[in-house]
Amino acid sequence: MRTVLFALALCSLAGVAGCKKKTPEGPVVSPTFDERQSCGGDQDCAVVQIECCDACNGGTAVGVHMDHAADVRKEYVPAGTCEGTACTLMACPDPEPICREGRCGVAIGGTETLPDLPRR
């Protein structure tokens, strides 16, 4: 029993050949995130643009739980904030909401990201 435990400890600490480490798939999850970004599946999430311009045109898109989407948008882009703002008109695929490892994120053109909501 001690031999097995010792071998496992060596394997995990030293990365010994023959010890397989599972490499994570998809985007890396931040250790800190807003609880409004938690989810159980893609259907729980919504994409929210948190700047005047959309993500294709210099802004930022984040994934949040659909129950918080309207409140997050109001918090980051209050009514009247974007009046007179000129955005570029670049086209890109529509962002899609995703849920990875219990956190909402965004997929644009096959690239998945899990951006944090900026701290206020």
C-alpha atoms as a PDB file:
ATOM      1  CA  MET A   1       0.000   0.000   0.000  1.00  0.00           C
ATOM      2  CA  ARG A   2       2.805   2.435   0.873  1.00  0.00           C
ATOM      3  CA  THR A   3       4.536   1.648  -2.409  1.00  0.00           C
ATOM      4  CA  VAL A   4       1.414   2.498  -4.408  1.00  0.00           C
ATOM      5  CA  LEU A   5       0.894   5.766  -2.520  1.00  0.00           C
ATOM      6  CA  PHE A   6       4.569   6.671  -2.925  1.00  0.00           C
ATOM      7  CA  ALA A   7       4.420   5.963  -6.665  1.00  0.00           C
ATOM      8  CA  LEU A   8       1.298   8.086  -7.045  1.00  0.00           C
ATOM      9  CA  ALA A   9       2.896  10.929  -5.132  1.00  0.00           C
ATOM     10  CA  LEU A  10       6.028  10.801  -7.280  1.00  0.00           C
ATOM     11  CA  CYS A  11       3.946  10.615 -10.418  1.00  0.00           C
ATOM     12  CA  SER A  12       1.918  13.692  -9.582  1.00  0.00           C
ATOM     13  CA  LEU A  13       4.878  15.739  -8.331  1.00  0.00           C
ATOM     14  CA  ALA A  14       7.490  14.899 -10.928  1.00  0.00           C
ATOM     15  CA  GLY A  15       5.455  14.179 -14.029  1.00  0.00           C
ATOM     16  CA  VAL A  16       7.140  10.770 -14.358  1.00  0.00           C
ATOM     17  CA  ALA A  17       6.850   9.094 -17.760  1.00  0.00           C
ATOM     18  CA  GLY A  18       3.862   6.814 -17.901  1.00  0.00           C
ATOM     19  CA  CYS A  19       1.861   9.095 -15.639  1.00  0.00           C
ATOM     20  CA  LYS A  20      -0.816  10.660 -17.752  1.00  0.00           C
ATOM     21  CA  LYS A  21      -1.974  14.144 -16.895  1.00  0.00           C
ATOM     22  CA  LYS A  22      -5.326  15.144 -18.235  1.00  0.00           C
ATOM     23  CA  THR A  23      -4.950  18.316 -20.245  1.00  0.00           C
ATOM     24  CA  PRO A  24      -7.899  20.675 -19.990  1.00  0.00           C
ATOM     25  CA  GLU A  25      -9.981  21.185 -23.099  1.00  0.00           C
ATOM     26  CA  GLY A  26     -11.430  24.557 -24.013  1.00  0.00           C
ATOM     27  CA  PRO A  27     -10.811  27.915 -22.382  1.00  0.00           C
ATOM     28  CA  VAL A  28      -9.195  28.248 -18.978  1.00  0.00           C
ATOM     29  CA  VAL A  29     -11.602  29.101 -16.160  1.00  0.00           C
ATOM     30  CA  SER A  30     -10.562  32.034 -13.983  1.00  0.00           C
ATOM     31  CA  PRO A  31     -10.336  31.180 -10.271  1.00  0.00           C
ATOM     32  CA  THR A  32     -12.407  34.292  -9.508  1.00  0.00           C
ATOM     33  CA  PHE A  33     -15.587  35.204 -11.283  1.00  0.00           C
ATOM     34  CA  ASP A  34     -18.840  36.976 -10.609  1.00  0.00           C
ATOM     35  CA  GLU A  35     -21.537  34.583  -9.359  1.00  0.00           C
ATOM     36  CA  ARG A  36     -23.846  36.005 -12.035  1.00  0.00           C
ATOM     37  CA  GLN A  37     -21.745  34.018 -14.501  1.00  0.00           C
ATOM     38  CA  SER A  38     -22.498  30.596 -12.988  1.00  0.00           C
ATOM     39  CA  CYS A  39     -24.407  28.023 -15.050  1.00  0.00           C
ATOM     40  CA  GLY A  40     -25.374  24.395 -15.426  1.00  0.00           C
ATOM     41  CA  GLY A  41     -25.485  24.283 -19.234  1.00  0.00           C
ATOM     42  CA  ASP A  42     -25.331  26.428 -22.381  1.00  0.00           C
ATOM     43  CA  GLN A  43     -29.085  27.063 -22.155  1.00  0.00           C
ATOM     44  CA  ASP A  44     -28.547  28.970 -18.863  1.00  0.00           C
ATOM     45  CA  CYS A  45     -26.288  31.589 -20.453  1.00  0.00           C
ATOM     46  CA  ALA A  46     -26.745  34.785 -22.447  1.00  0.00           C
ATOM     47  CA  VAL A  47     -24.223  37.016 -24.214  1.00  0.00           C
ATOM     48  CA  VAL A  48     -24.104  40.607 -22.948  1.00  0.00           C
ATOM     49  CA  GLN A  49     -22.213  43.430 -24.653  1.00  0.00           C
ATOM     50  CA  ILE A  50     -20.795  45.498 -21.766  1.00  0.00           C
ATOM     51  CA  GLU A  51     -19.549  48.461 -23.775  1.00  0.00           C
ATOM     52  CA  CYS A  52     -21.157  50.839 -26.265  1.00  0.00           C
ATOM     53  CA  CYS A  53     -19.676  49.012 -29.278  1.00  0.00           C
ATOM     54  CA  ASP A  54     -20.115  45.288 -29.784  1.00  0.00           C
ATOM     55  CA  ALA A  55     -17.271  42.773 -29.470  1.00  0.00           C
ATOM     56  CA  CYS A  56     -16.524  42.900 -33.218  1.00  0.00           C
ATOM     57  CA  ASN A  57     -16.073  46.655 -33.076  1.00  0.00           C
ATOM     58  CA  GLY A  58     -13.886  47.290 -30.050  1.00  0.00           C
ATOM     59  CA  GLY A  59     -16.285  46.344 -27.264  1.00  0.00           C
ATOM     60  CA  THR A  60     -16.466  43.375 -24.944  1.00  0.00           C
ATOM     61  CA  ALA A  61     -18.927  40.492 -24.876  1.00  0.00           C
ATOM     62  CA  VAL A  62     -19.306  38.403 -21.732  1.00  0.00           C
ATOM     63  CA  GLY A  63     -21.401  35.406 -20.812  1.00  0.00           C
ATOM     64  CA  VAL A  64     -23.746  35.709 -17.846  1.00  0.00           C
ATOM     65  CA  HIS A  65     -26.621  33.671 -16.495  1.00  0.00           C
ATOM     66  CA  MET A  66     -29.723  34.628 -18.472  1.00  0.00           C
ATOM     67  CA  ASP A  67     -31.518  35.712 -15.281  1.00  0.00           C
ATOM     68  CA  HIS A  68     -28.931  38.488 -14.808  1.00  0.00           C
ATOM     69  CA  ALA A  69     -28.393  39.602 -18.434  1.00  0.00           C
ATOM     70  CA  ALA A  70     -30.582  42.740 -18.373  1.00  0.00           C
ATOM     71  CA  ASP A  71     -29.190  43.894 -15.008  1.00  0.00           C
ATOM     72  CA  VAL A  72     -25.582  43.383 -16.129  1.00  0.00           C
ATOM     73  CA  ARG A  73     -26.196  45.377 -19.326  1.00  0.00           C
ATOM     74  CA  LYS A  74     -27.749  48.244 -17.299  1.00  0.00           C
ATOM     75  CA  GLU A  75     -24.859  48.162 -14.820  1.00  0.00           C
ATOM     76  CA  TYR A  76     -22.105  48.400 -17.426  1.00  0.00           C
ATOM     77  CA  VAL A  77     -23.902  50.494 -20.067  1.00  0.00           C
ATOM     78  CA  PRO A  78     -26.460  52.725 -18.325  1.00  0.00           C
ATOM     79  CA  ALA A  79     -29.135  54.332 -20.512  1.00  0.00           C
ATOM     80  CA  GLY A  80     -27.815  57.363 -22.382  1.00  0.00           C
ATOM     81  CA  THR A  81     -24.158  56.396 -21.917  1.00  0.00           C
ATOM     82  CA  CYS A  82     -23.565  55.587 -25.575  1.00  0.00           C
ATOM     83  CA  GLU A  83     -25.252  58.599 -27.159  1.00  0.00           C
ATOM     84  CA  GLY A  84     -22.918  60.023 -29.797  1.00  0.00           C
ATOM     85  CA  THR A  85     -20.520  57.064 -29.636  1.00  0.00           C
ATOM     86  CA  ALA A  86     -19.215  56.075 -33.062  1.00  0.00           C
ATOM     87  CA  CYS A  87     -18.406  52.404 -33.512  1.00  0.00           C
ATOM     88  CA  THR A  88     -16.739  50.753 -36.477  1.00  0.00           C
ATOM     89  CA  LEU A  89     -18.986  48.554 -38.568  1.00  0.00           C
ATOM     90  CA  MET A  90     -16.900  45.401 -38.878  1.00  0.00           C
ATOM     91  CA  ALA A  91     -18.845  42.191 -39.314  1.00  0.00           C
ATOM     92  CA  CYS A  92     -18.150  38.946 -37.512  1.00  0.00           C
ATOM     93  CA  PRO A  93     -20.153  35.882 -36.501  1.00  0.00           C
ATOM     94  CA  ASP A  94     -22.756  36.427 -33.819  1.00  0.00           C
ATOM     95  CA  PRO A  95     -21.454  35.590 -30.334  1.00  0.00           C
ATOM     96  CA  GLU A  96     -23.007  32.473 -28.841  1.00  0.00           C
ATOM     97  CA  PRO A  97     -23.433  31.784 -25.116  1.00  0.00           C
ATOM     98  CA  ILE A  98     -21.575  28.775 -23.710  1.00  0.00           C
ATOM     99  CA  CYS A  99     -21.244  27.128 -20.302  1.00  0.00           C
ATOM    100  CA  ARG A 100     -17.898  25.549 -19.443  1.00  0.00           C
ATOM    101  CA  GLU A 101     -17.027  24.113 -16.046  1.00  0.00           C
ATOM    102  CA  GLY A 102     -19.989  25.891 -14.432  1.00  0.00           C
ATOM    103  CA  ARG A 103     -19.270  29.310 -15.898  1.00  0.00           C
ATOM    104  CA  CYS A 104     -20.904  31.267 -18.734  1.00  0.00           C
ATOM    105  CA  GLY A 105     -18.709  32.414 -21.585  1.00  0.00           C
ATOM    106  CA  VAL A 106     -18.809  33.405 -25.235  1.00  0.00           C
ATOM    107  CA  ALA A 107     -18.012  31.618 -28.497  1.00  0.00           C
ATOM    108  CA  ILE A 108     -17.330  33.766 -31.564  1.00  0.00           C
ATOM    109  CA  GLY A 109     -16.446  32.043 -34.796  1.00  0.00           C
ATOM    110  CA  GLY A 110     -15.437  28.841 -33.021  1.00  0.00           C
ATOM    111  CA  THR A 111     -13.187  30.560 -30.451  1.00  0.00           C
ATOM    112  CA  GLU A 112     -14.394  30.115 -26.884  1.00  0.00           C
ATOM    113  CA  THR A 113     -13.541  32.561 -24.098  1.00  0.00           C
ATOM    114  CA  LEU A 114     -14.586  32.972 -20.478  1.00  0.00           C
ATOM    115  CA  PRO A 115     -14.087  36.684 -19.832  1.00  0.00           C
ATOM    116  CA  ASP A 116     -14.565  37.958 -16.295  1.00  0.00           C
ATOM    117  CA  LEU A 117     -17.054  40.693 -15.610  1.00  0.00           C
ATOM    118  CA  PRO A 118     -14.863  43.710 -14.824  1.00  0.00           C
ATOM    119  CA  ARG A 119     -14.902  44.685 -11.152  1.00  0.00           C
ATOM    120  CA  ARG A 120     -16.670  47.921 -10.365  1.00  0.00           C
END
